[in-house]
Protein backbone atom coordinates (compact mmCIF):
# COMPACT_ATOMS: atom_id res chain seq x y z
CA MET A 1 12.69 -14.59 3.30
CA PRO A 2 9.40 -13.08 1.04
CA THR A 3 9.14 -11.36 -2.12
CA VAL A 4 7.99 -8.40 -2.71
CA HIS A 5 6.13 -8.42 -6.04
CA PHE A 6 5.48 -4.19 -7.15
CA ARG A 7 6.51 -2.49 -10.31
CA GLY A 8 7.84 -5.22 -12.06
CA ARG A 9 10.79 -6.01 -9.08
CA GLU A 10 11.05 -8.63 -6.83
CA ILE A 11 11.66 -7.07 -3.32
CA GLU A 12 13.59 -9.02 -0.63
CA CYS A 13 12.59 -8.65 3.38
CA ASP A 14 11.86 -9.66 6.32
CA ARG A 15 8.08 -11.80 7.18
CA GLY A 16 6.56 -9.09 9.38
CA ALA A 17 8.08 -6.25 7.75
CA VAL A 18 6.01 -2.55 7.02
CA LEU A 19 4.59 -2.96 3.40
CA ARG A 20 5.46 1.07 2.91
CA ASP A 21 9.17 0.41 4.84
CA VAL A 22 10.38 -2.16 2.40
CA LEU A 23 8.79 -0.39 -0.85
CA ARG A 24 10.45 3.33 0.87
CA GLY A 25 13.87 0.91 1.40
CA ALA A 26 13.89 -0.53 -2.18
CA GLY A 27 12.82 3.37 -3.60
CA GLU A 28 9.90 2.58 -5.17
CA PRO A 29 7.44 4.83 -2.33
CA PRO A 30 3.20 3.60 -3.19
CA HIS A 31 2.40 7.14 -2.75
CA ASN A 32 1.80 9.01 -6.52
CA GLY A 33 3.22 12.70 -6.88
CA HIS A 34 2.62 15.20 -4.92
CA SER A 35 1.36 12.20 -1.88
CA SER A 36 5.65 11.34 -2.24
CA TRP A 37 5.37 14.09 0.12
CA LEU A 38 1.97 15.67 1.88
CA ASN A 39 1.45 11.94 3.94
CA CYS A 40 1.85 11.03 7.12
CA HIS A 41 4.65 9.52 6.96
CA GLY A 42 3.49 6.44 8.30
CA ARG A 43 0.81 6.65 10.68
CA GLY A 44 -2.70 5.67 8.80
CA SER A 45 -4.31 9.20 8.67
CA CYS A 46 -3.92 9.51 5.47
CA GLY A 47 -4.26 7.44 2.96
CA THR A 48 -2.04 7.99 -0.08
CA CYS A 49 -0.53 5.26 0.20
CA ALA A 50 -3.10 2.40 -0.61
CA VAL A 51 -2.60 0.24 -2.79
CA ARG A 52 -3.76 -3.62 -3.41
CA VAL A 53 -2.32 -6.36 -2.36
CA GLN A 54 -2.27 -10.25 -3.19
CA GLY A 55 0.01 -12.62 -0.79
CA PRO A 56 -0.35 -13.40 3.30
CA VAL A 57 0.06 -10.09 4.92
CA THR A 58 -2.08 -8.97 8.21
CA TYR A 59 -5.55 -7.98 8.90
CA ARG A 60 -6.79 -4.30 8.12
CA THR A 61 -6.28 -2.29 11.24
CA LYS A 62 -8.94 -0.52 12.73
CA LYS A 63 -7.27 2.82 12.22
CA GLU A 64 -6.82 1.81 8.82
CA THR A 65 -10.70 0.18 8.45
CA ARG A 66 -11.27 3.71 9.36
CA ARG A 67 -9.20 5.32 6.74
CA LEU A 68 -10.66 3.78 3.65
CA ARG A 69 -13.86 4.63 5.32
CA LEU A 70 -14.24 8.27 4.36
CA PRO A 71 -13.58 9.50 1.43
CA PRO A 72 -12.31 8.71 -1.41
CA HIS A 73 -11.73 5.84 -0.96
CA ASP A 74 -13.93 3.02 -0.75
CA PRO A 75 -14.66 0.25 2.03
CA ASP A 76 -15.19 -2.21 -0.48
CA SER A 77 -12.67 -2.18 -3.16
CA GLY A 78 -10.30 -4.35 -1.56
CA LEU A 79 -7.68 -1.59 -1.13
CA ARG A 80 -4.66 -1.66 1.68
CA LEU A 81 -2.82 0.98 3.70
CA ALA A 82 0.58 0.41 2.60
CA CYS A 83 1.69 1.50 6.07
CA GLN A 84 -0.27 -0.26 7.92
CA THR A 85 0.51 -3.54 6.10
CA LEU A 86 2.71 -6.20 7.36
CA VAL A 87 4.59 -8.90 4.95
CA LEU A 88 4.33 -12.48 6.30
CA GLY A 89 4.58 -14.26 2.59
CA ASP A 90 5.64 -13.76 -1.23
CA ILE A 91 2.91 -10.88 -2.28
CA TRP A 92 2.30 -9.04 -5.15
CA VAL A 93 0.78 -5.37 -4.82
CA GLU A 94 -0.66 -3.29 -7.20
CA LYS A 95 -1.29 1.24 -7.31
CA TYR A 96 -3.67 2.92 -8.32
CA PRO A 97 -4.02 6.41 -9.90
CA GLY A 98 -5.25 8.89 -8.28
CA PHE A 99 -3.97 11.57 -5.25
CA TRP A 100 -4.66 7.96 -2.94
CA GLY A 101 -4.37 5.92 -5.24
CA HIS A 102 -7.81 5.09 -4.71
CA HIS A 103 -8.73 4.37 -9.10
CA VAL A 104 -9.29 1.10 -9.41
CA ASP A 105 -11.51 1.53 -11.43
CA ASP A 106 -8.31 2.85 -13.70
CA ASP A 107 -5.27 0.04 -15.08
CA PRO A 108 -2.21 -0.04 -11.86
CA ILE A 109 0.10 1.76 -12.49
CA ASP A 110 3.84 -0.20 -14.24
């Protein structure tokens, strides 16, 4: 069973689980501030669940790639959309400041 490391917690999940669902199920939504309510609910269109992921996950979907090319995101930032990312093994996840979690030059949110 893979383990998701996020904000000091270790959250076990099934292999192939959607990262957004894993985090929300553990009471750790991948959103900042009001984006917890103002988001696309996992459709990959808003970009508010952007996180940095280290470890085995699926490749970016076409939908995810398109969204991360739009401002305020930078396609080269290395961020992923939690709603489009499937967990394949133990991973480490960081959420950055900003409505979209796109301020990668700042320290991650603990």
